[in-house]
Amino acid sequence: MSDDTTTTGPDLPPDRLAIHPRSEWFDADKLQRGVGIRFKGVVRTNVEEYCISEGWVRVQAGKTMDRHGNPLTLKLNGPVEAWYEDLGDNPPVAKA
């Protein structure tokens, strides 16, 4: 039986995911499916990394770059929900 608080399964995104290839949490196959993120009740399209169980997202801090040319990010805390966008209008949502 499925539970709304589940964070694993074939139709649910992983608990943690990043868009940068150098990150240990990067997974190109999962990102290709398209992952939707809702943070504090608002759908966000600028998320660099998220963790559902710890309740945070990383977003880019303007156009500022670090000394290696990577964007500086801010870690925002709050409830995070994630879903695969390729599953249509009513996909199962992973949340804590």
C-alpha atoms as a PDB file:
ATOM      1  CA  MET A   1       0.000   0.000   0.000  1.00  0.00           C
ATOM      2  CA  SER A   2       1.329   3.453  -0.939  1.00  0.00           C
ATOM      3  CA  ASP A   3       1.883   6.199   1.635  1.00  0.00           C
ATOM      4  CA  ASP A   4       1.938   9.976   0.949  1.00  0.00           C
ATOM      5  CA  THR A   5       5.053  10.410   3.075  1.00  0.00           C
ATOM      6  CA  THR A   6       7.078   7.899   1.049  1.00  0.00           C
ATOM      7  CA  THR A   7      10.273   9.242  -0.490  1.00  0.00           C
ATOM      8  CA  THR A   8      11.326   6.235  -2.560  1.00  0.00           C
ATOM      9  CA  GLY A   9       9.867   4.205  -5.392  1.00  0.00           C
ATOM     10  CA  PRO A  10      10.038   3.934  -9.171  1.00  0.00           C
ATOM     11  CA  ASP A  11       7.688   6.880  -9.779  1.00  0.00           C
ATOM     12  CA  LEU A  12       9.111   9.124  -7.056  1.00  0.00           C
ATOM     13  CA  PRO A  13      12.281  11.224  -7.348  1.00  0.00           C
ATOM     14  CA  PRO A  14      15.176  10.459  -4.988  1.00  0.00           C
ATOM     15  CA  ASP A  15      15.357  12.043  -1.532  1.00  0.00           C
ATOM     16  CA  ARG A  16      18.308  14.172  -2.658  1.00  0.00           C
ATOM     17  CA  LEU A  17      19.290  15.321  -6.154  1.00  0.00           C
ATOM     18  CA  ALA A  18      21.673  17.914  -7.648  1.00  0.00           C
ATOM     19  CA  ILE A  19      21.965  19.339 -11.166  1.00  0.00           C
ATOM     20  CA  HIS A  20      25.775  19.707 -11.215  1.00  0.00           C
ATOM     21  CA  PRO A  21      27.680  16.736 -12.702  1.00  0.00           C
ATOM     22  CA  ARG A  22      30.493  17.031 -10.118  1.00  0.00           C
ATOM     23  CA  SER A  23      28.099  16.432  -7.229  1.00  0.00           C
ATOM     24  CA  GLU A  24      27.776  12.964  -5.717  1.00  0.00           C
ATOM     25  CA  TRP A  25      23.977  13.487  -5.809  1.00  0.00           C
ATOM     26  CA  PHE A  26      23.884  14.060  -9.609  1.00  0.00           C
ATOM     27  CA  ASP A  27      21.851  11.539 -11.647  1.00  0.00           C
ATOM     28  CA  ALA A  28      21.406  12.397 -15.341  1.00  0.00           C
ATOM     29  CA  ASP A  29      18.744   9.734 -15.957  1.00  0.00           C
ATOM     30  CA  LYS A  30      16.489  11.091 -13.234  1.00  0.00           C
ATOM     31  CA  LEU A  31      17.051  14.701 -14.276  1.00  0.00           C
ATOM     32  CA  GLN A  32      16.139  13.887 -17.901  1.00  0.00           C
ATOM     33  CA  ARG A  33      12.666  12.869 -16.726  1.00  0.00           C
ATOM     34  CA  GLY A  34      12.157  16.379 -15.372  1.00  0.00           C
ATOM     35  CA  VAL A  35      11.805  16.916 -11.640  1.00  0.00           C
ATOM     36  CA  GLY A  36       9.288  19.416 -10.312  1.00  0.00           C
ATOM     37  CA  ILE A  37      10.016  21.032  -6.941  1.00  0.00           C
ATOM     38  CA  ARG A  38       7.568  22.714  -4.570  1.00  0.00           C
ATOM     39  CA  PHE A  39       9.261  24.602  -1.726  1.00  0.00           C
ATOM     40  CA  LYS A  40       7.101  26.120   1.034  1.00  0.00           C
ATOM     41  CA  GLY A  41       4.039  25.635  -1.174  1.00  0.00           C
ATOM     42  CA  VAL A  42       5.511  27.449  -4.217  1.00  0.00           C
ATOM     43  CA  VAL A  43       6.689  25.672  -7.376  1.00  0.00           C
ATOM     44  CA  ARG A  44      10.350  26.600  -7.942  1.00  0.00           C
ATOM     45  CA  THR A  45      12.254  26.333 -11.216  1.00  0.00           C
ATOM     46  CA  ASN A  46      15.639  27.634 -10.003  1.00  0.00           C
ATOM     47  CA  VAL A  47      16.625  24.839  -7.609  1.00  0.00           C
ATOM     48  CA  GLU A  48      20.237  23.637  -7.912  1.00  0.00           C
ATOM     49  CA  GLU A  49      19.955  20.848  -5.303  1.00  0.00           C
ATOM     50  CA  TYR A  50      17.339  19.615  -2.851  1.00  0.00           C
ATOM     51  CA  CYS A  51      16.918  17.213   0.058  1.00  0.00           C
ATOM     52  CA  ILE A  52      13.396  16.189   1.020  1.00  0.00           C
ATOM     53  CA  SER A  53      14.184  14.429   4.326  1.00  0.00           C
ATOM     54  CA  GLU A  54      16.342  17.298   5.649  1.00  0.00           C
ATOM     55  CA  GLY A  55      13.922  19.951   4.316  1.00  0.00           C
ATOM     56  CA  TRP A  56      16.138  22.266   2.248  1.00  0.00           C
ATOM     57  CA  VAL A  57      16.871  23.489  -1.272  1.00  0.00           C
ATOM     58  CA  ARG A  58      19.875  25.282  -2.769  1.00  0.00           C
ATOM     59  CA  VAL A  59      19.187  28.155  -5.155  1.00  0.00           C
ATOM     60  CA  GLN A  60      21.591  30.371  -7.062  1.00  0.00           C
ATOM     61  CA  ALA A  61      22.410  33.694  -5.358  1.00  0.00           C
ATOM     62  CA  GLY A  62      21.952  36.079  -8.277  1.00  0.00           C
ATOM     63  CA  LYS A  63      24.706  36.044 -10.884  1.00  0.00           C
ATOM     64  CA  THR A  64      27.539  35.825  -8.340  1.00  0.00           C
ATOM     65  CA  MET A  65      30.231  33.214  -9.039  1.00  0.00           C
ATOM     66  CA  ASP A  66      32.868  31.683  -6.797  1.00  0.00           C
ATOM     67  CA  ARG A  67      36.576  31.620  -7.664  1.00  0.00           C
ATOM     68  CA  HIS A  68      36.099  28.400  -9.675  1.00  0.00           C
ATOM     69  CA  GLY A  69      33.364  29.875 -11.854  1.00  0.00           C
ATOM     70  CA  ASN A  70      30.526  28.026 -10.118  1.00  0.00           C
ATOM     71  CA  PRO A  71      27.421  29.930  -9.055  1.00  0.00           C
ATOM     72  CA  LEU A  72      27.166  30.814  -5.378  1.00  0.00           C
ATOM     73  CA  THR A  73      24.132  29.207  -3.784  1.00  0.00           C
ATOM     74  CA  LEU A  74      21.927  29.841  -0.791  1.00  0.00           C
ATOM     75  CA  LYS A  75      20.551  27.024   1.331  1.00  0.00           C
ATOM     76  CA  LEU A  76      16.891  27.649   2.191  1.00  0.00           C
ATOM     77  CA  ASN A  77      15.115  25.568   4.840  1.00  0.00           C
ATOM     78  CA  GLY A  78      11.475  24.515   4.684  1.00  0.00           C
ATOM     79  CA  PRO A  79       9.145  21.769   3.443  1.00  0.00           C
ATOM     80  CA  VAL A  80      10.197  20.295   0.074  1.00  0.00           C
ATOM     81  CA  GLU A  81       8.069  18.225  -2.312  1.00  0.00           C
ATOM     82  CA  ALA A  82       9.320  16.631  -5.552  1.00  0.00           C
ATOM     83  CA  TRP A  83       7.714  14.784  -8.478  1.00  0.00           C
ATOM     84  CA  TYR A  84       8.553  13.626 -11.987  1.00  0.00           C
ATOM     85  CA  GLU A  85       7.075  15.986 -14.562  1.00  0.00           C
ATOM     86  CA  ASP A  86       6.854  13.261 -17.229  1.00  0.00           C
ATOM     87  CA  LEU A  87       4.045  11.512 -15.302  1.00  0.00           C
ATOM     88  CA  GLY A  88       1.352  14.002 -16.308  1.00  0.00           C
ATOM     89  CA  ASP A  89      -0.962  16.249 -14.330  1.00  0.00           C
ATOM     90  CA  ASN A  90      -1.386  14.183 -11.148  1.00  0.00           C
ATOM     91  CA  PRO A  91       1.981  12.498 -10.412  1.00  0.00           C
ATOM     92  CA  PRO A  92       2.827  10.929  -7.048  1.00  0.00           C
ATOM     93  CA  VAL A  93       4.654  13.467  -4.871  1.00  0.00           C
ATOM     94  CA  ALA A  94       7.634  12.668  -2.621  1.00  0.00           C
ATOM     95  CA  LYS A  95       7.522  14.640   0.616  1.00  0.00           C
ATOM     96  CA  ALA A  96       8.725  14.319   4.195  1.00  0.00           C
END
